[in-house]
């Protein structure tokens, strides 16, 4: 529709266009007009709230997946570092690996043999 069309105007040329010659309340009563506007505003707000809930859920899912990926990466890196560092001599006063991670097994070194 063109914004210049007469349908956008709140004036009617002939009252006879309406049943029984009575203008509808949405056309003549300012409170009804305001109520229609407010009802549409409530609907719009409810729709926006639903969109926000979906977006929040998507963000939580994304963050959880990223967190799990980083957690796996850190675990793999620590394990690789532990396996590679087991042969580095340490002082007798140095903390044992057993305090942090279990000692490496033969399978840990199998790929290097």
PDB file of N, CA and C in Angstrom:
ATOM      1  N   UNK A   1       0.830  -1.191   0.000  1.00  0.00           N
ATOM      2  CA  UNK A   1       0.000   0.000   0.000  1.00  0.00           C
ATOM      3  C   UNK A   1       0.869   1.246   0.000  1.00  0.00           C
ATOM      4  N   UNK A   2       0.402   2.225  -0.672  1.00  0.00           N
ATOM      5  CA  UNK A   2       1.089   3.508  -0.722  1.00  0.00           C
ATOM      6  C   UNK A   2       0.760   4.296   0.546  1.00  0.00           C
ATOM      7  N   UNK A   3       1.754   4.923   1.133  1.00  0.00           N
ATOM      8  CA  UNK A   3       1.523   5.678   2.367  1.00  0.00           C
ATOM      9  C   UNK A   3       0.634   6.896   2.151  1.00  0.00           C
ATOM     10  N   UNK A   4       0.459   7.298   0.917  1.00  0.00           N
ATOM     11  CA  UNK A   4      -0.382   8.459   0.629  1.00  0.00           C
ATOM     12  C   UNK A   4      -1.848   8.082   0.391  1.00  0.00           C
ATOM     13  N   UNK A   5      -2.185   6.804   0.438  1.00  0.00           N
ATOM     14  CA  UNK A   5      -3.559   6.402   0.191  1.00  0.00           C
ATOM     15  C   UNK A   5      -4.474   6.869   1.324  1.00  0.00           C
ATOM     16  N   UNK A   6      -5.720   7.102   0.970  1.00  0.00           N
ATOM     17  CA  UNK A   6      -6.693   7.631   1.919  1.00  0.00           C
ATOM     18  C   UNK A   6      -7.038   6.653   3.042  1.00  0.00           C
ATOM     19  N   UNK A   7      -6.766   5.368   2.848  1.00  0.00           N
ATOM     20  CA  UNK A   7      -7.140   4.390   3.867  1.00  0.00           C
ATOM     21  C   UNK A   7      -6.428   4.648   5.193  1.00  0.00           C
ATOM     22  N   UNK A   8      -5.311   5.321   5.134  1.00  0.00           N
ATOM     23  CA  UNK A   8      -4.561   5.615   6.353  1.00  0.00           C
ATOM     24  C   UNK A   8      -5.193   6.758   7.147  1.00  0.00           C
ATOM     25  N   UNK A   9      -6.073   7.463   6.564  1.00  0.00           N
ATOM     26  CA  UNK A   9      -6.734   8.585   7.241  1.00  0.00           C
ATOM     27  C   UNK A   9      -7.852   8.072   8.142  1.00  0.00           C
ATOM     28  N   UNK A  10      -8.077   8.734   9.271  1.00  0.00           N
ATOM     29  CA  UNK A  10      -9.148   8.374  10.196  1.00  0.00           C
ATOM     30  C   UNK A  10     -10.443   9.126   9.872  1.00  0.00           C
ATOM     31  N   UNK A  11     -10.600   9.555   8.673  1.00  0.00           N
ATOM     32  CA  UNK A  11     -11.827  10.265   8.294  1.00  0.00           C
ATOM     33  C   UNK A  11     -12.541   9.463   7.213  1.00  0.00           C
ATOM     34  N   UNK A  12     -13.854   9.504   7.257  1.00  0.00           N
ATOM     35  CA  UNK A  12     -14.650   8.788   6.272  1.00  0.00           C
ATOM     36  C   UNK A  12     -15.616   9.784   5.640  1.00  0.00           C
ATOM     37  N   UNK A  13     -15.731   9.684   4.352  1.00  0.00           N
ATOM     38  CA  UNK A  13     -16.565  10.654   3.618  1.00  0.00           C
ATOM     39  C   UNK A  13     -18.053  10.438   3.888  1.00  0.00           C
ATOM     40  N   UNK A  14     -18.450   9.198   4.057  1.00  0.00           N
ATOM     41  CA  UNK A  14     -19.882   8.930   4.159  1.00  0.00           C
ATOM     42  C   UNK A  14     -20.152   8.022   5.344  1.00  0.00           C
ATOM     43  N   UNK A  15     -20.912   8.517   6.303  1.00  0.00           N
ATOM     44  CA  UNK A  15     -21.260   7.720   7.485  1.00  0.00           C
ATOM     45  C   UNK A  15     -22.126   6.529   7.104  1.00  0.00           C
ATOM     46  N   UNK A  16     -22.743   6.594   5.979  1.00  0.00           N
ATOM     47  CA  UNK A  16     -23.579   5.507   5.490  1.00  0.00           C
ATOM     48  C   UNK A  16     -22.783   4.273   5.096  1.00  0.00           C
ATOM     49  N   UNK A  17     -21.463   4.400   5.027  1.00  0.00           N
ATOM     50  CA  UNK A  17     -20.614   3.253   4.714  1.00  0.00           C
ATOM     51  C   UNK A  17     -20.596   2.242   5.854  1.00  0.00           C
ATOM     52  N   UNK A  18     -21.047   2.654   7.017  1.00  0.00           N
ATOM     53  CA  UNK A  18     -21.027   1.790   8.200  1.00  0.00           C
ATOM     54  C   UNK A  18     -22.422   1.263   8.482  1.00  0.00           C
ATOM     55  N   UNK A  19     -22.505   0.037   9.056  1.00  0.00           N
ATOM     56  CA  UNK A  19     -23.821  -0.533   9.366  1.00  0.00           C
ATOM     57  C   UNK A  19     -24.600   0.366  10.326  1.00  0.00           C
ATOM     58  N   UNK A  20     -25.857   0.559  10.057  1.00  0.00           N
ATOM     59  CA  UNK A  20     -26.752   1.378  10.876  1.00  0.00           C
ATOM     60  C   UNK A  20     -26.263   2.812  11.029  1.00  0.00           C
ATOM     61  N   UNK A  21     -25.318   3.219  10.241  1.00  0.00           N
ATOM     62  CA  UNK A  21     -24.825   4.595  10.309  1.00  0.00           C
ATOM     63  C   UNK A  21     -24.054   4.905  11.581  1.00  0.00           C
ATOM     64  N   UNK A  22     -23.583   3.885  12.274  1.00  0.00           N
ATOM     65  CA  UNK A  22     -22.841   4.084  13.526  1.00  0.00           C
ATOM     66  C   UNK A  22     -21.352   3.843  13.268  1.00  0.00           C
ATOM     67  N   UNK A  23     -20.556   4.817  13.634  1.00  0.00           N
ATOM     68  CA  UNK A  23     -19.108   4.672  13.468  1.00  0.00           C
ATOM     69  C   UNK A  23     -18.573   3.689  14.500  1.00  0.00           C
ATOM     70  N   UNK A  24     -17.629   2.830  14.120  1.00  0.00           N
ATOM     71  CA  UNK A  24     -17.062   1.865  15.067  1.00  0.00           C
ATOM     72  C   UNK A  24     -16.220   2.593  16.122  1.00  0.00           C
ATOM     73  N   UNK A  25     -16.151   1.966  17.315  1.00  0.00           N
ATOM     74  CA  UNK A  25     -15.427   2.590  18.424  1.00  0.00           C
ATOM     75  C   UNK A  25     -13.941   2.776  18.118  1.00  0.00           C
ATOM     76  N   UNK A  26     -13.362   1.847  17.373  1.00  0.00           N
ATOM     77  CA  UNK A  26     -11.946   1.970  17.062  1.00  0.00           C
ATOM     78  C   UNK A  26     -11.633   3.193  16.220  1.00  0.00           C
ATOM     79  N   UNK A  27     -12.672   3.735  15.610  1.00  0.00           N
ATOM     80  CA  UNK A  27     -12.487   4.902  14.750  1.00  0.00           C
ATOM     81  C   UNK A  27     -12.735   6.210  15.493  1.00  0.00           C
ATOM     82  N   UNK A  28     -13.623   6.194  16.480  1.00  0.00           N
ATOM     83  CA  UNK A  28     -14.011   7.458  17.114  1.00  0.00           C
ATOM     84  C   UNK A  28     -13.560   7.588  18.566  1.00  0.00           C
ATOM     85  N   UNK A  29     -13.328   6.506  19.266  1.00  0.00           N
ATOM     86  CA  UNK A  29     -13.010   6.574  20.692  1.00  0.00           C
ATOM     87  C   UNK A  29     -11.495   6.503  20.892  1.00  0.00           C
ATOM     88  N   UNK A  30     -10.946   7.570  21.470  1.00  0.00           N
ATOM     89  CA  UNK A  30      -9.492   7.647  21.676  1.00  0.00           C
ATOM     90  C   UNK A  30      -9.005   6.546  22.628  1.00  0.00           C
ATOM     91  N   UNK A  31      -9.808   6.185  23.631  1.00  0.00           N
ATOM     92  CA  UNK A  31      -9.403   5.131  24.562  1.00  0.00           C
ATOM     93  C   UNK A  31      -9.340   3.771  23.872  1.00  0.00           C
ATOM     94  N   UNK A  32     -10.262   3.504  22.972  1.00  0.00           N
ATOM     95  CA  UNK A  32     -10.246   2.248  22.226  1.00  0.00           C
ATOM     96  C   UNK A  32      -9.014   2.207  21.323  1.00  0.00           C
ATOM     97  N   UNK A  33      -8.723   3.335  20.672  1.00  0.00           N
ATOM     98  CA  UNK A  33      -7.528   3.404  19.815  1.00  0.00           C
ATOM     99  C   UNK A  33      -6.271   3.128  20.636  1.00  0.00           C
ATOM    100  N   UNK A  34      -6.207   3.754  21.815  1.00  0.00           N
ATOM    101  CA  UNK A  34      -5.049   3.558  22.680  1.00  0.00           C
ATOM    102  C   UNK A  34      -4.992   2.099  23.161  1.00  0.00           C
ATOM    103  N   UNK A  35      -6.138   1.520  23.466  1.00  0.00           N
ATOM    104  CA  UNK A  35      -6.187   0.121  23.896  1.00  0.00           C
ATOM    105  C   UNK A  35      -5.709  -0.826  22.817  1.00  0.00           C
ATOM    106  N   UNK A  36      -6.079  -0.567  21.588  1.00  0.00           N
ATOM    107  CA  UNK A  36      -5.612  -1.395  20.464  1.00  0.00           C
ATOM    108  C   UNK A  36      -4.094  -1.295  20.351  1.00  0.00           C
ATOM    109  N   UNK A  37      -3.595  -0.081  20.457  1.00  0.00           N
ATOM    110  CA  UNK A  37      -2.154   0.132  20.385  1.00  0.00           C
ATOM    111  C   UNK A  37      -1.449  -0.609  21.520  1.00  0.00           C
ATOM    112  N   UNK A  38      -1.983  -0.505  22.735  1.00  0.00           N
ATOM    113  CA  UNK A  38      -1.360  -1.155  23.890  1.00  0.00           C
ATOM    114  C   UNK A  38      -1.432  -2.688  23.771  1.00  0.00           C
ATOM    115  N   UNK A  39      -2.544  -3.207  23.270  1.00  0.00           N
ATOM    116  CA  UNK A  39      -2.667  -4.653  23.090  1.00  0.00           C
ATOM    117  C   UNK A  39      -1.609  -5.154  22.096  1.00  0.00           C
ATOM    118  N   UNK A  40      -1.402  -4.404  21.021  1.00  0.00           N
ATOM    119  CA  UNK A  40      -0.374  -4.791  20.045  1.00  0.00           C
ATOM    120  C   UNK A  40       1.014  -4.680  20.667  1.00  0.00           C
ATOM    121  N   UNK A  41       1.206  -3.695  21.515  1.00  0.00           N
ATOM    122  CA  UNK A  41       2.493  -3.531  22.198  1.00  0.00           C
ATOM    123  C   UNK A  41       2.780  -4.725  23.117  1.00  0.00           C
ATOM    124  N   UNK A  42       1.761  -5.219  23.811  1.00  0.00           N
ATOM    125  CA  UNK A  42       1.915  -6.393  24.674  1.00  0.00           C
ATOM    126  C   UNK A  42       2.298  -7.612  23.835  1.00  0.00           C
ATOM    127  N   UNK A  43       1.631  -7.804  22.719  1.00  0.00           N
ATOM    128  CA  UNK A  43       1.942  -8.928  21.828  1.00  0.00           C
ATOM    129  C   UNK A  43       3.389  -8.821  21.328  1.00  0.00           C
ATOM    130  N   UNK A  44       3.788  -7.622  20.935  1.00  0.00           N
ATOM    131  CA  UNK A  44       5.156  -7.414  20.448  1.00  0.00           C
ATOM    132  C   UNK A  44       6.179  -7.717  21.548  1.00  0.00           C
ATOM    133  N   UNK A  45       5.889  -7.277  22.766  1.00  0.00           N
ATOM    134  CA  UNK A  45       6.806  -7.525  23.882  1.00  0.00           C
ATOM    135  C   UNK A  45       6.906  -9.017  24.188  1.00  0.00           C
ATOM    136  N   UNK A  46       5.793  -9.726  24.135  1.00  0.00           N
ATOM    137  CA  UNK A  46       5.820 -11.171  24.376  1.00  0.00           C
ATOM    138  C   UNK A  46       6.645 -11.881  23.313  1.00  0.00           C
ATOM    139  N   UNK A  47       6.514 -11.453  22.065  1.00  0.00           N
ATOM    140  CA  UNK A  47       7.300 -12.058  20.984  1.00  0.00           C
ATOM    141  C   UNK A  47       8.787 -11.773  21.181  1.00  0.00           C
ATOM    142  N   UNK A  48       9.110 -10.554  21.575  1.00  0.00           N
ATOM    143  CA  UNK A  48      10.510 -10.193  21.809  1.00  0.00           C
ATOM    144  C   UNK A  48      11.085 -10.984  22.982  1.00  0.00           C
ATOM    145  N   UNK A  49      10.293 -11.191  24.015  1.00  0.00           N
ATOM    146  CA  UNK A  49      10.733 -11.985  25.155  1.00  0.00           C
ATOM    147  C   UNK A  49      11.042 -13.419  24.723  1.00  0.00           C
ATOM    148  N   UNK A  50      10.209 -13.995  23.871  1.00  0.00           N
ATOM    149  CA  UNK A  50      10.476 -15.345  23.356  1.00  0.00           C
ATOM    150  C   UNK A  50      11.766 -15.378  22.548  1.00  0.00           C
ATOM    151  N   UNK A  51      11.981 -14.343  21.720  1.00  0.00           N
ATOM    152  CA  UNK A  51      13.225 -14.291  20.939  1.00  0.00           C
ATOM    153  C   UNK A  51      14.440 -14.191  21.867  1.00  0.00           C
ATOM    154  N   UNK A  52      14.314 -13.412  22.948  1.00  0.00           N
ATOM    155  CA  UNK A  52      15.418 -13.270  23.897  1.00  0.00           C
ATOM    156  C   UNK A  52      15.704 -14.592  24.617  1.00  0.00           C
ATOM    157  N   UNK A  53      14.651 -15.332  24.954  1.00  0.00           N
ATOM    158  CA  UNK A  53      14.837 -16.630  25.603  1.00  0.00           C
ATOM    159  C   UNK A  53      15.584 -17.590  24.682  1.00  0.00           C
ATOM    160  N   UNK A  54      15.212 -17.609  23.416  1.00  0.00           N
ATOM    161  CA  UNK A  54      15.878 -18.486  22.443  1.00  0.00           C
ATOM    162  C   UNK A  54      17.340 -18.077  22.293  1.00  0.00           C
ATOM    163  N   UNK A  55      17.590 -16.784  22.206  1.00  0.00           N
ATOM    164  CA  UNK A  55      18.963 -16.298  22.051  1.00  0.00           C
ATOM    165  C   UNK A  55      19.791 -16.641  23.291  1.00  0.00           C
ATOM    166  N   UNK A  56      19.206 -16.502  24.462  1.00  0.00           N
ATOM    167  CA  UNK A  56      19.902 -16.856  25.700  1.00  0.00           C
ATOM    168  C   UNK A  56      20.250 -18.343  25.713  1.00  0.00           C
ATOM    169  N   UNK A  57      19.313 -19.168  25.305  1.00  0.00           N
ATOM    170  CA  UNK A  57      19.560 -20.604  25.248  1.00  0.00           C
ATOM    171  C   UNK A  57      20.676 -20.925  24.255  1.00  0.00           C
ATOM    172  N   UNK A  58      20.645 -20.275  23.107  1.00  0.00           N
ATOM    173  CA  UNK A  58      21.693 -20.492  22.102  1.00  0.00           C
ATOM    174  C   UNK A  58      23.062 -20.088  22.639  1.00  0.00           C
ATOM    175  N   UNK A  59      23.123 -18.958  23.349  1.00  0.00           N
ATOM    176  CA  UNK A  59      24.394 -18.507  23.914  1.00  0.00           C
ATOM    177  C   UNK A  59      24.903 -19.474  24.980  1.00  0.00           C
ATOM    178  N   UNK A  60      24.008 -19.980  25.817  1.00  0.00           N
ATOM    179  CA  UNK A  60      24.415 -20.936  26.843  1.00  0.00           C
ATOM    180  C   UNK A  60      24.940 -22.216  26.210  1.00  0.00           C
ATOM    181  N   UNK A  61      24.281 -22.693  25.175  1.00  0.00           N
ATOM    182  CA  UNK A  61      24.727 -23.903  24.480  1.00  0.00           C
ATOM    183  C   UNK A  61      26.088 -23.681  23.844  1.00  0.00           C
ATOM    184  N   UNK A  62      26.252 -22.543  23.161  1.00  0.00           N
ATOM    185  CA  UNK A  62      27.529 -22.223  22.524  1.00  0.00           C
ATOM    186  C   UNK A  62      28.643 -22.156  23.569  1.00  0.00           C
ATOM    187  N   UNK A  63      28.377 -21.450  24.681  1.00  0.00           N
ATOM    188  CA  UNK A  63      29.410 -21.303  25.705  1.00  0.00           C
ATOM    189  C   UNK A  63      29.783 -22.656  26.300  1.00  0.00           C
ATOM    190  N   UNK A  64      28.806 -23.511  26.553  1.00  0.00           N
ATOM    191  CA  UNK A  64      29.074 -24.832  27.113  1.00  0.00           C
ATOM    192  C   UNK A  64      29.949 -25.640  26.160  1.00  0.00           C
ATOM    193  N   UNK A  65      29.636 -25.608  24.873  1.00  0.00           N
ATOM    194  CA  UNK A  65      30.424 -26.357  23.892  1.00  0.00           C
ATOM    195  C   UNK A  65      31.860 -25.820  23.832  1.00  0.00           C
ATOM    196  N   UNK A  66      32.004 -24.501  23.851  1.00  0.00           N
ATOM    197  CA  UNK A  66      33.343 -23.908  23.827  1.00  0.00           C
ATOM    198  C   UNK A  66      34.117 -24.268  25.094  1.00  0.00           C
ATOM    199  N   UNK A  67      33.431 -24.220  26.233  1.00  0.00           N
ATOM    200  CA  UNK A  67      34.070 -24.564  27.508  1.00  0.00           C
ATOM    201  C   UNK A  67      34.551 -26.015  27.493  1.00  0.00           C
ATOM    202  N   UNK A  68      33.709 -26.929  27.001  1.00  0.00           N
ATOM    203  CA  UNK A  68      34.096 -28.341  26.937  1.00  0.00           C
ATOM    204  C   UNK A  68      35.294 -28.537  26.008  1.00  0.00           C
ATOM    205  N   UNK A  69      35.323 -27.820  24.890  1.00  0.00           N
ATOM    206  CA  UNK A  69      36.443 -27.939  23.948  1.00  0.00           C
ATOM    207  C   UNK A  69      37.741 -27.460  24.598  1.00  0.00           C
ATOM    208  N   UNK A  70      37.680 -26.347  25.302  1.00  0.00           N
ATOM    209  CA  UNK A  70      38.877 -25.821  25.971  1.00  0.00           C
ATOM    210  C   UNK A  70      39.307 -26.774  27.084  1.00  0.00           C
ATOM    211  N   UNK A  71      38.355 -27.302  27.810  1.00  0.00           N
ATOM    212  CA  UNK A  71      38.660 -28.243  28.890  1.00  0.00           C
ATOM    213  C   UNK A  71      39.374 -29.485  28.342  1.00  0.00           C
ATOM    214  N   UNK A  72      38.864 -30.026  27.224  1.00  0.00           N
ATOM    215  CA  UNK A  72      39.509 -31.190  26.597  1.00  0.00           C
ATOM    216  C   UNK A  72      40.924 -30.835  26.135  1.00  0.00           C
ATOM    217  N   UNK A  73      41.066 -29.670  25.535  1.00  0.00           N
ATOM    218  CA  UNK A  73      42.368 -29.250  25.040  1.00  0.00           C
ATOM    219  C   UNK A  73      43.366 -29.109  26.173  1.00  0.00           C
ATOM    220  N   UNK A  74      42.972 -28.497  27.255  1.00  0.00           N
ATOM    221  CA  UNK A  74      43.873 -28.334  28.401  1.00  0.00           C
ATOM    222  C   UNK A  74      44.235 -29.693  28.987  1.00  0.00           C
ATOM    223  N   UNK A  75      43.267 -30.583  29.104  1.00  0.00           N
ATOM    224  CA  UNK A  75      43.540 -31.920  29.633  1.00  0.00           C
ATOM    225  C   UNK A  75      44.531 -32.658  28.742  1.00  0.00           C
ATOM    226  N   UNK A  76      44.331 -32.607  27.423  1.00  0.00           N
ATOM    227  CA  UNK A  76      45.241 -33.265  26.489  1.00  0.00           C
ATOM    228  C   UNK A  76      46.634 -32.649  26.555  1.00  0.00           C
ATOM    229  N   UNK A  77      46.691 -31.332  26.652  1.00  0.00           N
ATOM    230  CA  UNK A  77      47.984 -30.648  26.706  1.00  0.00           C
ATOM    231  C   UNK A  77      48.718 -31.013  27.988  1.00  0.00           C
ATOM    232  N   UNK A  78      48.010 -31.039  29.114  1.00  0.00           N
ATOM    233  CA  UNK A  78      48.640 -31.404  30.383  1.00  0.00           C
ATOM    234  C   UNK A  78      49.142 -32.845  30.353  1.00  0.00           C
ATOM    235  N   UNK A  79      48.352 -33.735  29.785  1.00  0.00           N
ATOM    236  CA  UNK A  79      48.760 -35.139  29.700  1.00  0.00           C
ATOM    237  C   UNK A  79      50.000 -35.279  28.817  1.00  0.00           C
ATOM    238  N   UNK A  80      50.006 -34.620  27.673  1.00  0.00           N
ATOM    239  CA  UNK A  80      51.158 -34.667  26.778  1.00  0.00           C
ATOM    240  C   UNK A  80      52.396 -34.085  27.460  1.00  0.00           C
ATOM    241  N   UNK A  81      52.226 -32.993  28.138  1.00  0.00           N
ATOM    242  CA  UNK A  81      53.342 -32.366  28.842  1.00  0.00           C
ATOM    243  C   UNK A  81      53.859 -33.292  29.939  1.00  0.00           C
ATOM    244  N   UNK A  82      52.956 -33.925  30.685  1.00  0.00           N
ATOM    245  CA  UNK A  82      53.358 -34.838  31.760  1.00  0.00           C
ATOM    246  C   UNK A  82      54.151 -36.010  31.196  1.00  0.00           C
ATOM    247  N   UNK A  83      53.669 -36.601  30.099  1.00  0.00           N
ATOM    248  CA  UNK A  83      54.353 -37.737  29.479  1.00  0.00           C
ATOM    249  C   UNK A  83      55.731 -37.323  28.979  1.00  0.00           C
ATOM    250  N   UNK A  84      55.835 -36.154  28.389  1.00  0.00           N
ATOM    251  CA  UNK A  84      57.117 -35.693  27.867  1.00  0.00           C
ATOM    252  C   UNK A  84      58.081 -35.273  28.976  1.00  0.00           C
ATOM    253  N   UNK A  85      57.558 -34.824  30.094  1.00  0.00           N
ATOM    254  CA  UNK A  85      58.417 -34.331  31.176  1.00  0.00           C
ATOM    255  C   UNK A  85      58.818 -35.415  32.164  1.00  0.00           C
ATOM    256  N   UNK A  86      58.295 -36.625  32.039  1.00  0.00           N
ATOM    257  CA  UNK A  86      58.578 -37.677  33.008  1.00  0.00           C
ATOM    258  C   UNK A  86      60.060 -38.028  33.040  1.00  0.00           C
ATOM    259  N   UNK A  87      60.757 -37.823  31.936  1.00  0.00           N
ATOM    260  CA  UNK A  87      62.174 -38.175  31.847  1.00  0.00           C
ATOM    261  C   UNK A  87      63.091 -37.042  32.292  1.00  0.00           C
ATOM    262  N   UNK A  88      62.540 -35.904  32.600  1.00  0.00           N
ATOM    263  CA  UNK A  88      63.366 -34.772  33.038  1.00  0.00           C
ATOM    264  C   UNK A  88      63.746 -35.006  34.498  1.00  0.00           C
ATOM    265  N   UNK A  89      65.024 -34.982  34.799  1.00  0.00           N
ATOM    266  CA  UNK A  89      65.433 -35.213  36.187  1.00  0.00           C
ATOM    267  C   UNK A  89      64.970 -34.062  37.077  1.00  0.00           C
ATOM    268  N   UNK A  90      64.599 -34.416  38.281  1.00  0.00           N
ATOM    269  CA  UNK A  90      64.152 -33.406  39.240  1.00  0.00           C
ATOM    270  C   UNK A  90      64.869 -33.606  40.556  1.00  0.00           C
ATOM    271  N   UNK A  91      64.821 -32.622  41.386  1.00  0.00           N
ATOM    272  CA  UNK A  91      65.396 -32.720  42.721  1.00  0.00           C
ATOM    273  C   UNK A  91      64.564 -33.664  43.570  1.00  0.00           C
ATOM    274  N   UNK A  92      65.149 -34.253  44.535  1.00  0.00           N
ATOM    275  CA  UNK A  92      64.408 -35.165  45.397  1.00  0.00           C
ATOM    276  C   UNK A  92      63.359 -34.424  46.216  1.00  0.00           C
ATOM    277  N   UNK A  93      63.517 -33.126  46.344  1.00  0.00           N
ATOM    278  CA  UNK A  93      62.551 -32.338  47.115  1.00  0.00           C
ATOM    279  C   UNK A  93      61.400 -31.851  46.255  1.00  0.00           C
ATOM    280  N   UNK A  94      61.487 -32.098  44.947  1.00  0.00           N
ATOM    281  CA  UNK A  94      60.425 -31.637  44.045  1.00  0.00           C
ATOM    282  C   UNK A  94      59.165 -32.454  44.286  1.00  0.00           C
ATOM    283  N   UNK A  95      57.993 -31.847  44.106  1.00  0.00           N
ATOM    284  CA  UNK A  95      56.749 -32.605  44.298  1.00  0.00           C
ATOM    285  C   UNK A  95      56.636 -33.734  43.276  1.00  0.00           C
ATOM    286  N   UNK A  96      56.011 -34.783  43.677  1.00  0.00           N
ATOM    287  CA  UNK A  96      55.837 -35.941  42.810  1.00  0.00           C
ATOM    288  C   UNK A  96      54.695 -35.693  41.834  1.00  0.00           C
ATOM    289  N   UNK A  97      54.790 -36.340  40.669  1.00  0.00           N
ATOM    290  CA  UNK A  97      53.700 -36.246  39.696  1.00  0.00           C
ATOM    291  C   UNK A  97      52.423 -36.862  40.251  1.00  0.00           C
ATOM    292  N   UNK A  98      52.595 -37.815  41.152  1.00  0.00           N
ATOM    293  CA  UNK A  98      51.430 -38.488  41.717  1.00  0.00           C
ATOM    294  C   UNK A  98      50.508 -37.512  42.437  1.00  0.00           C
ATOM    295  N   UNK A  99      51.050 -36.387  42.865  1.00  0.00           N
ATOM    296  CA  UNK A  99      50.222 -35.387  43.532  1.00  0.00           C
ATOM    297  C   UNK A  99      49.272 -34.715  42.539  1.00  0.00           C
ATOM    298  N   UNK A 100      49.651 -34.688  41.279  1.00  0.00           N
ATOM    299  CA  UNK A 100      48.856 -33.982  40.273  1.00  0.00           C
ATOM    300  C   UNK A 100      48.110 -34.931  39.341  1.00  0.00           C
ATOM    301  N   UNK A 101      48.852 -35.862  38.761  1.00  0.00           N
ATOM    302  CA  UNK A 101      48.295 -36.819  37.813  1.00  0.00           C
ATOM    303  C   UNK A 101      48.873 -38.193  38.104  1.00  0.00           C
ATOM    304  N   UNK A 102      48.178 -39.240  37.735  1.00  0.00           N
ATOM    305  CA  UNK A 102      48.753 -40.572  37.934  1.00  0.00           C
ATOM    306  C   UNK A 102      50.001 -40.738  37.064  1.00  0.00           C
ATOM    307  N   UNK A 103      50.936 -41.596  37.470  1.00  0.00           N
ATOM    308  CA  UNK A 103      52.160 -41.769  36.679  1.00  0.00           C
ATOM    309  C   UNK A 103      51.833 -42.330  35.301  1.00  0.00           C
ATOM    310  N   UNK A 104      52.683 -42.049  34.324  1.00  0.00           N
ATOM    311  CA  UNK A 104      52.429 -42.547  32.967  1.00  0.00           C
ATOM    312  C   UNK A 104      52.545 -44.064  32.912  1.00  0.00           C
ATOM    313  N   UNK A 105      51.831 -44.635  31.972  1.00  0.00           N
ATOM    314  CA  UNK A 105      51.870 -46.083  31.778  1.00  0.00           C
ATOM    315  C   UNK A 105      52.653 -46.399  30.517  1.00  0.00           C
ATOM    316  N   UNK A 106      52.883 -47.692  30.299  1.00  0.00           N
ATOM    317  CA  UNK A 106      53.600 -48.111  29.105  1.00  0.00           C
ATOM    318  C   UNK A 106      52.865 -47.667  27.844  1.00  0.00           C
ATOM    319  N   UNK A 107      51.533 -47.675  27.889  1.00  0.00           N
ATOM    320  CA  UNK A 107      50.752 -47.247  26.725  1.00  0.00           C
ATOM    321  C   UNK A 107      51.021 -45.784  26.377  1.00  0.00           C
ATOM    322  N   UNK A 108      51.326 -44.993  27.401  1.00  0.00           N
ATOM    323  CA  UNK A 108      51.638 -43.591  27.131  1.00  0.00           C
ATOM    324  C   UNK A 108      52.866 -43.449  26.252  1.00  0.00           C
ATOM    325  N   UNK A 109      53.807 -44.379  26.397  1.00  0.00           N
ATOM    326  CA  UNK A 109      55.065 -44.307  25.641  1.00  0.00           C
ATOM    327  C   UNK A 109      55.038 -45.203  24.409  1.00  0.00           C
ATOM    328  N   UNK A 110      54.007 -45.998  24.226  1.00  0.00           N
ATOM    329  CA  UNK A 110      53.961 -46.969  23.133  1.00  0.00           C
ATOM    330  C   UNK A 110      54.126 -46.298  21.781  1.00  0.00           C
ATOM    331  N   UNK A 111      53.563 -45.146  21.619  1.00  0.00           N
ATOM    332  CA  UNK A 111      53.649 -44.489  20.309  1.00  0.00           C
ATOM    333  C   UNK A 111      55.065 -43.977  20.036  1.00  0.00           C
ATOM    334  N   UNK A 112      55.893 -43.860  21.041  1.00  0.00           N
ATOM    335  CA  UNK A 112      57.244 -43.334  20.861  1.00  0.00           C
ATOM    336  C   UNK A 112      58.265 -44.461  20.692  1.00  0.00           C
ATOM    337  N   UNK A 113      57.865 -45.689  20.959  1.00  0.00           N
ATOM    338  CA  UNK A 113      58.817 -46.810  20.902  1.00  0.00           C
ATOM    339  C   UNK A 113      58.880 -47.352  19.495  1.00  0.00           C
TER     340      UNK A 113
END
